[in-house]
Amino acid sequence: MLRIKVLLVTLTTVLISCGGSGVEEFTPPANPSAPEEPTEKIVYHERAKALFDLINQYYQVKNGPTRGLYNENYPKQAGDLSASFLWPYDGLVSGAANLYALGYDFDYKGMVDRFELYWRTSGDVNIGGYGSQTNGVSGSGTRFYDDNSIVGIDLVHAYKLTGDQTYLERAKRIVSFLKSGEDNIHGGGLWWNESQKNQAGVGDSNKPACANGYATLFLLEYYHVCASEEKTDVLAFAKRLYNWLYANLRDPEDNNYWNDKQVNGTINKTKWTYNTGVMISNGVRLYRITGDEKYLDHAKASAEGAYNYFVRPANGMALAYPANDPWFTIKLINAFVDILPYYKTAQNYIDTFINFTDHAYEKARNQTGFFYEDWTGGSPKRIESLLMQAAALDGLSLIALYKGEVAGQ
């Protein structure tokens, strides 16, 4: 994930609500109140679809070589390319997949197919992969292992939703690209991207939780749909990455995950919701596949640790998730949904998120209907970003699926 993430890591101490002194002093209550019943019933799929329509109206490129793709910002900012980076586009497709699963009829397959406009075969290795940007004809920019894994997850999802074998074939290519990023430095694991492997003194040259965690999640998702002759190798690869992450980047004090291991072996101990979230999801999937209870135990410990670390009072709210990067938070909530059948306390964590989302809908949007980054409503910063709107779409549609809603009802 390109420039946005680099900036966020640089500004960690300013942006993340969980940082700074006193993090360990506050422990959210074990049983927060359930979402308050509104006077009018909230239909989350309708809110999600209305936001999706706004995104298409204001962000979608209507003319030129990138027609059908989306702008990075609305309104466009100085320096914006002719289409968004891959990361926010993928975030939008993830939310669109939820809408499609809810029963909405739109050109979902067309959105998935446009991933191919980011594909390129040139690179440091003679293996294809998705670039971080596009000119509307082919991919360019850096090829990140986390970006490719998240696209792979969406391709597997598209295959499950549509039955189109093309998406399964495209997902298979990503396995080869991920393998090209694995080496034995620091005992294994993937680098963040193919262009910055093992470069001493370069902060972005690291083995991060995001690349390894989302590669593991993709591989475990792909495992269920791949050909039988692939399964042993795919599962072994996923286990290697999971084990490396657990051994190298887990904080044993609270079972959250640190951001990365640098070339010199030092650990960047920044914690983000999505890094812990993906390891919860991975633990649940490995338990389902192998039956090994240790993976479920890992996931439960991280679920409790994440809620206690990241959720706290903020801007008048009794309990709130971090005020930065809602896309990260949605991945943690997905993990809570994953673990709920085995860990009933996750119901409380999800209820807190639903309250948080309801608050954001009322207090953290502009007149057009676009969401701030800060869902407490404290500041309208980054409201221009497609990624912020994609995160809100993903969150609203996730709640709709969680509640069993169906389009038209």
Protein backbone atom coordinates (compact mmCIF):
# COMPACT_ATOMS: atom_id res chain seq x y z
CA MET A 1 0.00 0.00 0.00
CA LEU A 2 1.72 3.05 -1.28
CA ARG A 3 1.91 6.68 -0.29
CA ILE A 4 -0.97 6.81 2.18
CA LYS A 5 0.53 4.10 4.36
CA VAL A 6 4.03 5.55 4.24
CA LEU A 7 2.67 8.87 5.47
CA LEU A 8 0.67 7.21 8.20
CA VAL A 9 3.62 5.28 9.55
CA THR A 10 5.64 8.50 9.60
CA LEU A 11 2.94 10.28 11.56
CA THR A 12 2.05 7.41 13.87
CA THR A 13 2.52 9.30 17.10
CA VAL A 14 0.22 12.04 15.90
CA LEU A 15 -2.54 10.00 14.36
CA ILE A 16 -3.22 6.81 16.22
CA SER A 17 -5.56 7.20 19.12
CA CYS A 18 -4.08 4.15 20.83
CA GLY A 19 -0.57 5.58 21.02
CA GLY A 20 1.09 7.65 23.67
CA SER A 21 1.11 7.32 27.40
CA GLY A 22 -1.65 5.70 29.38
CA VAL A 23 -2.57 3.07 26.76
CA GLU A 24 -2.60 0.28 29.30
CA GLU A 25 -4.49 2.29 31.92
CA PHE A 26 -7.92 2.02 30.35
CA THR A 27 -9.73 -1.30 29.96
CA PRO A 28 -13.10 -1.22 28.20
CA PRO A 29 -15.92 -2.89 30.12
CA ALA A 30 -16.39 -6.57 29.40
CA ASN A 31 -20.07 -6.10 28.61
CA PRO A 32 -20.72 -2.77 26.91
CA SER A 33 -24.29 -1.83 26.29
CA ALA A 34 -25.88 -3.16 23.14
CA PRO A 35 -26.66 -0.71 20.34
CA GLU A 36 -29.47 1.61 21.34
CA GLU A 37 -32.73 0.98 19.56
CA PRO A 38 -33.41 3.99 17.30
CA THR A 39 -36.89 5.44 16.98
CA GLU A 40 -36.78 4.40 13.31
CA LYS A 41 -35.29 1.07 12.35
CA ILE A 42 -31.93 1.46 10.62
CA VAL A 43 -31.60 -0.50 7.39
CA TYR A 44 -27.88 -0.77 6.92
CA HIS A 45 -27.93 -2.12 3.38
CA GLU A 46 -29.87 0.96 2.28
CA ARG A 47 -27.31 3.24 3.88
CA ALA A 48 -24.53 1.28 2.20
CA LYS A 49 -26.16 1.39 -1.23
CA ALA A 50 -26.81 5.13 -0.93
CA LEU A 51 -23.12 5.70 -0.17
CA PHE A 52 -22.10 3.44 -3.07
CA ASP A 53 -24.27 5.52 -5.41
CA LEU A 54 -22.64 8.72 -4.15
CA ILE A 55 -19.18 7.26 -4.71
CA ASN A 56 -20.10 6.37 -8.27
CA GLN A 57 -21.55 9.81 -8.86
CA TYR A 58 -18.63 11.83 -7.52
CA TYR A 59 -15.51 9.64 -7.69
CA GLN A 60 -15.92 7.51 -10.81
CA VAL A 61 -13.93 8.60 -13.86
CA LYS A 62 -16.42 9.29 -16.67
CA ASN A 63 -14.09 9.90 -19.61
CA GLY A 64 -10.60 9.15 -20.90
CA PRO A 65 -8.40 6.06 -20.70
CA THR A 66 -9.23 5.43 -17.04
CA ARG A 67 -13.00 5.56 -17.62
CA GLY A 68 -14.81 3.26 -15.19
CA LEU A 69 -12.09 3.51 -12.57
CA TYR A 70 -12.18 5.99 -9.68
CA ASN A 71 -10.33 9.11 -8.60
CA GLU A 72 -8.12 9.01 -5.54
CA ASN A 73 -9.89 12.05 -4.11
CA TYR A 74 -13.02 14.12 -4.61
CA PRO A 75 -12.46 16.82 -5.49
CA LYS A 76 -9.21 15.87 -7.20
CA GLN A 77 -6.10 17.09 -5.42
CA ALA A 78 -2.88 18.48 -6.84
CA GLY A 79 -0.69 15.60 -7.94
CA ASP A 80 -3.49 13.05 -8.22
CA LEU A 81 -3.07 10.53 -11.03
CA SER A 82 -5.71 9.78 -13.65
CA ALA A 83 -7.04 6.96 -11.47
CA SER A 84 -6.70 5.91 -7.84
CA PHE A 85 -3.99 3.71 -6.44
CA LEU A 86 -4.81 0.02 -6.19
CA TRP A 87 -5.39 0.06 -2.43
CA PRO A 88 -8.47 2.35 -2.36
CA TYR A 89 -9.85 0.71 -5.50
CA ASP A 90 -9.58 -2.66 -3.83
CA GLY A 91 -11.28 -1.24 -0.74
CA LEU A 92 -14.18 -0.15 -2.92
CA VAL A 93 -14.46 -3.55 -4.60
CA SER A 94 -14.56 -5.24 -1.18
CA GLY A 95 -17.54 -3.13 -0.18
CA ALA A 96 -19.18 -3.69 -3.56
CA ALA A 97 -18.83 -7.45 -3.05
CA ASN A 98 -20.83 -7.15 0.17
CA LEU A 99 -23.55 -5.22 -1.66
CA TYR A 100 -23.64 -7.89 -4.35
CA ALA A 101 -23.92 -10.59 -1.67
CA LEU A 102 -26.80 -8.64 -0.13
CA GLY A 103 -28.67 -8.94 -3.43
CA TYR A 104 -28.04 -5.64 -5.24
CA ASP A 105 -27.85 -5.80 -9.03
CA PHE A 106 -25.02 -3.78 -10.58
CA ASP A 107 -21.90 -4.43 -12.64
CA TYR A 108 -19.93 -6.09 -9.87
CA LYS A 109 -18.03 -8.32 -12.31
CA GLY A 110 -16.98 -5.26 -14.28
CA MET A 111 -15.46 -3.79 -11.13
CA VAL A 112 -13.56 -7.02 -10.41
CA ASP A 113 -12.36 -7.24 -14.02
CA ARG A 114 -10.83 -3.76 -13.79
CA PHE A 115 -8.24 -5.13 -11.38
CA GLU A 116 -6.52 -6.33 -14.56
CA LEU A 117 -5.78 -2.71 -15.49
CA TYR A 118 -3.30 -2.73 -12.58
CA TRP A 119 -1.60 -5.98 -13.68
CA ARG A 120 1.93 -5.97 -14.99
CA THR A 121 4.55 -8.62 -15.66
CA SER A 122 7.65 -6.45 -15.60
CA GLY A 123 9.39 -6.25 -12.27
CA ASP A 124 12.36 -7.39 -10.28
CA VAL A 125 11.27 -10.97 -10.94
CA ASN A 126 9.81 -12.34 -14.14
CA ILE A 127 6.45 -13.00 -12.48
CA GLY A 128 3.20 -11.10 -12.94
CA GLY A 129 1.60 -9.10 -10.16
CA TYR A 130 -0.65 -6.13 -9.52
CA GLY A 131 1.04 -2.72 -9.54
CA SER A 132 0.11 0.10 -7.19
CA GLN A 133 -1.20 2.33 -9.99
CA THR A 134 -2.50 2.29 -13.57
CA ASN A 135 -2.84 4.49 -16.64
CA GLY A 136 -6.05 2.68 -17.58
CA VAL A 137 -4.25 0.29 -19.92
CA SER A 138 -1.66 -1.48 -17.77
CA GLY A 139 -0.28 -1.46 -14.28
CA SER A 140 2.71 0.50 -13.06
CA GLY A 141 4.28 1.60 -9.80
CA THR A 142 5.49 -0.59 -6.97
CA ARG A 143 4.15 -4.11 -6.48
CA PHE A 144 3.27 -4.67 -2.85
CA TYR A 145 2.72 -8.12 -1.39
CA ASP A 146 -0.13 -6.97 0.84
CA ASP A 147 -1.93 -5.24 -2.06
CA ASN A 148 -1.67 -8.38 -4.16
CA SER A 149 -2.93 -10.56 -1.32
CA ILE A 150 -5.95 -8.34 -0.71
CA VAL A 151 -6.79 -8.37 -4.41
CA GLY A 152 -6.43 -12.16 -4.24
CA ILE A 153 -8.95 -12.31 -1.40
CA ASP A 154 -11.38 -10.29 -3.51
CA LEU A 155 -10.82 -12.58 -6.50
CA VAL A 156 -11.62 -15.65 -4.42
CA HIS A 157 -14.70 -13.85 -3.10
CA ALA A 158 -15.74 -12.99 -6.66
CA TYR A 159 -15.34 -16.62 -7.68
CA LYS A 160 -17.56 -17.73 -4.80
CA LEU A 161 -20.20 -15.10 -5.59
CA THR A 162 -20.30 -15.57 -9.37
CA GLY A 163 -18.87 -19.02 -10.10
CA ASP A 164 -16.70 -17.49 -12.81
CA GLN A 165 -13.61 -19.70 -13.17
CA THR A 166 -11.62 -16.74 -14.52
CA TYR A 167 -11.34 -15.29 -11.03
CA LEU A 168 -9.96 -18.52 -9.64
CA GLU A 169 -7.33 -18.61 -12.39
CA ARG A 170 -6.33 -15.02 -11.65
CA ALA A 171 -6.06 -15.76 -7.94
CA LYS A 172 -3.73 -18.68 -8.64
CA ARG A 173 -1.20 -16.33 -10.25
CA ILE A 174 -0.85 -14.43 -6.97
CA VAL A 175 0.53 -17.50 -5.18
CA SER A 176 3.60 -17.41 -7.45
CA PHE A 177 4.08 -13.68 -6.92
CA LEU A 178 3.94 -14.09 -3.14
CA LYS A 179 6.49 -16.89 -3.21
CA SER A 180 8.89 -14.55 -4.99
CA GLY A 181 8.83 -12.30 -1.91
CA GLU A 182 9.77 -14.99 0.61
CA ASP A 183 13.35 -15.57 1.74
CA ASN A 184 15.24 -16.81 4.82
CA ILE A 185 16.40 -13.43 6.14
CA HIS A 186 15.21 -13.16 9.76
CA GLY A 187 14.05 -16.76 9.50
CA GLY A 188 11.47 -16.33 6.73
CA GLY A 189 8.55 -14.09 5.91
CA LEU A 190 7.69 -11.66 3.13
CA TRP A 191 9.04 -8.16 2.52
CA TRP A 192 6.62 -5.25 2.14
CA ASN A 193 7.24 -4.91 -1.59
CA GLU A 194 9.48 -6.32 -4.29
CA SER A 195 11.46 -3.10 -4.82
CA GLN A 196 12.75 -2.66 -1.27
CA LYS A 197 14.04 -6.02 -0.14
CA ASN A 198 16.86 -6.12 2.40
CA GLN A 199 18.01 -2.52 1.94
CA ALA A 200 19.92 -1.47 5.05
CA GLY A 201 18.96 1.93 6.43
CA VAL A 202 15.70 2.12 4.42
CA GLY A 203 12.72 2.22 6.76
CA ASP A 204 10.31 0.90 4.14
CA SER A 205 12.54 -2.12 3.60
CA ASN A 206 10.98 -4.36 6.20
CA LYS A 207 9.01 -7.55 6.79
CA PRO A 208 5.64 -6.28 7.99
CA ALA A 209 2.59 -7.82 9.60
CA CYS A 210 0.39 -6.56 6.77
CA ALA A 211 2.26 -8.36 3.96
CA ASN A 212 2.60 -11.60 5.89
CA GLY A 213 -0.82 -11.52 7.53
CA TYR A 214 -2.82 -10.80 4.39
CA ALA A 215 -0.78 -13.25 2.34
CA THR A 216 -1.70 -15.89 4.92
CA LEU A 217 -5.37 -14.92 4.76
CA PHE A 218 -5.38 -15.05 0.96
CA LEU A 219 -3.71 -18.46 0.95
CA LEU A 220 -6.21 -19.85 3.45
CA GLU A 221 -9.11 -18.48 1.41
CA TYR A 222 -7.60 -19.84 -1.79
CA TYR A 223 -7.00 -23.21 -0.13
CA HIS A 224 -10.74 -23.91 -0.03
CA VAL A 225 -11.27 -23.40 -3.75
CA CYS A 226 -7.96 -24.44 -5.35
CA ALA A 227 -7.32 -27.74 -7.10
CA SER A 228 -6.67 -30.71 -4.80
CA GLU A 229 -3.09 -31.07 -6.02
CA GLU A 230 -2.33 -27.49 -4.88
CA LYS A 231 -3.71 -27.76 -1.35
CA THR A 232 -0.71 -29.24 0.47
CA ASP A 233 1.67 -26.62 -0.87
CA VAL A 234 -0.73 -23.72 -0.31
CA LEU A 235 -1.44 -24.71 3.29
CA ALA A 236 2.26 -25.23 4.05
CA PHE A 237 3.05 -21.75 2.69
CA ALA A 238 0.26 -20.21 4.79
CA LYS A 239 1.54 -21.95 7.93
CA ARG A 240 5.10 -20.74 7.33
CA LEU A 241 3.96 -17.14 7.13
CA TYR A 242 1.61 -17.45 10.10
CA ASN A 243 4.30 -19.04 12.25
CA TRP A 244 6.84 -16.40 11.27
CA LEU A 245 4.43 -13.62 12.21
CA TYR A 246 3.47 -15.23 15.50
CA ALA A 247 7.12 -15.72 16.46
CA ASN A 248 8.45 -12.35 15.32
CA LEU A 249 5.74 -9.68 15.60
CA ARG A 250 3.33 -10.75 18.34
CA ASP A 251 3.49 -8.72 21.53
CA PRO A 252 3.33 -11.40 24.26
CA GLU A 253 1.99 -8.83 26.73
CA ASP A 254 -1.34 -8.28 24.97
CA ASN A 255 -1.32 -10.56 21.88
CA ASN A 256 -1.57 -7.67 19.46
CA TYR A 257 0.86 -7.50 16.55
CA TRP A 258 3.66 -5.03 15.97
CA ASN A 259 4.02 -3.43 12.56
CA ASP A 260 7.27 -4.82 11.15
CA LYS A 261 10.79 -6.18 11.51
CA GLN A 262 13.47 -3.96 9.99
CA VAL A 263 16.51 -5.09 8.01
CA ASN A 264 18.71 -4.73 11.09
CA GLY A 265 16.35 -6.89 13.13
CA THR A 266 14.75 -4.13 15.20
CA ILE A 267 10.99 -4.17 15.66
CA ASN A 268 8.72 -1.25 14.78
CA LYS A 269 6.29 -1.64 17.68
CA THR A 270 3.48 0.45 16.23
CA LYS A 271 0.18 -1.41 16.47
CA TRP A 272 -2.64 -1.16 13.95
CA THR A 273 -6.10 -2.69 14.19
CA TYR A 274 -5.89 -4.50 10.87
CA ASN A 275 -2.67 -6.35 11.67
CA THR A 276 -4.14 -7.94 14.77
CA GLY A 277 -7.44 -8.42 12.97
CA VAL A 278 -5.96 -10.45 10.15
CA MET A 279 -4.20 -12.77 12.57
CA ILE A 280 -7.48 -13.41 14.38
CA SER A 281 -9.05 -14.35 11.05
CA ASN A 282 -6.06 -16.51 10.18
CA GLY A 283 -6.21 -18.35 13.49
CA VAL A 284 -9.90 -19.12 13.01
CA ARG A 285 -9.29 -20.45 9.48
CA LEU A 286 -6.32 -22.57 10.48
CA TYR A 287 -8.38 -24.06 13.30
CA ARG A 288 -11.18 -24.91 10.88
CA ILE A 289 -8.78 -26.50 8.42
CA THR A 290 -6.51 -28.38 10.83
CA GLY A 291 -8.62 -28.84 13.95
CA ASP A 292 -5.63 -27.70 16.02
CA GLU A 293 -6.96 -25.82 19.08
CA LYS A 294 -3.80 -23.72 19.44
CA TYR A 295 -4.81 -21.57 16.48
CA LEU A 296 -8.19 -20.83 18.01
CA ASP A 297 -6.54 -20.06 21.34
CA HIS A 298 -4.23 -17.60 19.57
CA ALA A 299 -7.22 -15.94 17.89
CA LYS A 300 -9.21 -15.61 21.12
CA ALA A 301 -6.27 -14.07 22.96
CA SER A 302 -5.73 -11.55 20.17
CA ALA A 303 -9.44 -10.69 19.98
CA GLU A 304 -9.51 -9.81 23.67
CA GLY A 305 -6.18 -8.01 23.42
CA ALA A 306 -7.27 -5.94 20.43
CA TYR A 307 -10.49 -4.74 22.02
CA ASN A 308 -8.78 -3.83 25.27
CA TYR A 309 -5.97 -2.00 23.47
CA PHE A 310 -7.80 -0.11 20.75
CA VAL A 311 -11.24 0.73 22.20
CA ARG A 312 -11.59 3.61 24.64
CA PRO A 313 -13.58 6.81 25.34
CA ALA A 314 -13.15 9.50 22.69
CA ASN A 315 -14.75 12.85 21.85
CA GLY A 316 -17.73 12.33 24.14
CA MET A 317 -18.27 8.69 23.21
CA ALA A 318 -18.13 6.17 26.03
CA LEU A 319 -16.44 3.61 23.75
CA ALA A 320 -14.96 4.25 20.35
CA TYR A 321 -12.63 2.53 17.94
CA PRO A 322 -9.60 4.55 16.76
CA ALA A 323 -10.30 7.90 15.13
CA ASN A 324 -7.87 7.14 12.31
CA ASP A 325 -7.96 4.73 9.37
CA PRO A 326 -11.43 3.20 9.43
CA TRP A 327 -10.36 0.77 6.68
CA PHE A 328 -8.01 -0.78 9.24
CA THR A 329 -10.79 -1.01 11.82
CA ILE A 330 -13.18 -2.78 9.42
CA LYS A 331 -10.64 -5.60 9.05
CA LEU A 332 -10.65 -6.04 12.82
CA ILE A 333 -14.45 -6.15 12.87
CA ASN A 334 -14.42 -8.77 10.11
CA ALA A 335 -12.19 -10.80 12.41
CA PHE A 336 -14.62 -10.42 15.31
CA VAL A 337 -17.39 -11.74 13.05
CA ASP A 338 -15.12 -14.65 12.07
CA ILE A 339 -14.42 -15.66 15.67
CA LEU A 340 -17.92 -15.07 17.06
CA PRO A 341 -19.08 -18.72 16.73
CA TYR A 342 -16.21 -19.75 19.02
CA TYR A 343 -15.93 -16.69 21.25
CA LYS A 344 -19.26 -15.18 22.27
CA THR A 345 -17.65 -12.14 23.91
CA ALA A 346 -16.97 -10.88 20.38
CA GLN A 347 -20.67 -9.98 20.29
CA ASN A 348 -19.88 -7.10 22.64
CA TYR A 349 -17.04 -5.95 20.42
CA ILE A 350 -19.31 -5.93 17.37
CA ASP A 351 -22.06 -4.09 19.26
CA THR A 352 -19.55 -1.37 20.13
CA PHE A 353 -18.67 -1.07 16.45
CA ILE A 354 -22.32 -0.79 15.43
CA ASN A 355 -22.75 2.04 17.95
CA PHE A 356 -19.60 3.65 16.55
CA THR A 357 -20.93 3.39 12.99
CA ASP A 358 -24.32 4.83 13.94
CA HIS A 359 -22.54 7.74 15.61
CA ALA A 360 -20.40 8.30 12.50
CA TYR A 361 -23.49 8.36 10.30
CA GLU A 362 -24.99 11.14 12.41
CA LYS A 363 -21.88 13.09 13.46
CA ALA A 364 -19.06 12.41 10.98
CA ARG A 365 -20.43 13.12 7.49
CA ASN A 366 -20.69 16.21 5.34
CA GLN A 367 -23.83 17.49 3.69
CA THR A 368 -23.26 15.36 0.59
CA GLY A 369 -23.11 12.25 2.73
CA PHE A 370 -19.39 11.47 2.70
CA PHE A 371 -17.64 10.21 5.84
CA TYR A 372 -14.78 11.77 7.74
CA GLU A 373 -11.78 9.65 8.60
CA ASP A 374 -12.55 10.35 12.28
CA TRP A 375 -15.82 8.58 13.02
CA THR A 376 -16.12 10.32 16.37
CA GLY A 377 -16.84 13.47 14.36
CA GLY A 378 -13.92 15.39 15.78
CA SER A 379 -12.45 16.48 12.46
CA PRO A 380 -13.44 16.28 8.77
CA LYS A 381 -9.87 15.43 7.75
CA ARG A 382 -9.30 13.15 4.75
CA ILE A 383 -12.96 13.31 3.75
CA GLU A 384 -11.76 13.72 0.14
CA SER A 385 -10.18 10.26 0.11
CA LEU A 386 -11.78 7.39 -1.78
CA LEU A 387 -10.33 5.01 0.82
CA MET A 388 -12.31 6.72 3.59
CA GLN A 389 -15.57 6.26 1.67
CA ALA A 390 -14.70 2.68 0.71
CA ALA A 391 -14.13 1.92 4.39
CA ALA A 392 -17.54 3.32 5.35
CA LEU A 393 -19.19 1.33 2.55
CA ASP A 394 -17.44 -1.82 3.76
CA GLY A 395 -18.49 -1.19 7.35
CA LEU A 396 -22.15 -0.48 6.61
CA SER A 397 -22.48 -3.45 4.27
CA LEU A 398 -20.69 -5.72 6.76
CA ILE A 399 -23.23 -4.80 9.44
CA ALA A 400 -26.05 -5.50 6.97
CA LEU A 401 -24.64 -8.98 6.24
CA TYR A 402 -24.04 -9.61 9.92
CA LYS A 403 -27.67 -8.75 10.69
CA GLY A 404 -28.95 -10.97 7.88
CA GLU A 405 -30.41 -8.12 5.83
CA VAL A 406 -31.43 -8.66 2.22
CA ALA A 407 -31.72 -6.02 -0.50
CA GLY A 408 -35.33 -5.02 -1.09
CA GLN A 409 -36.45 -5.97 2.41
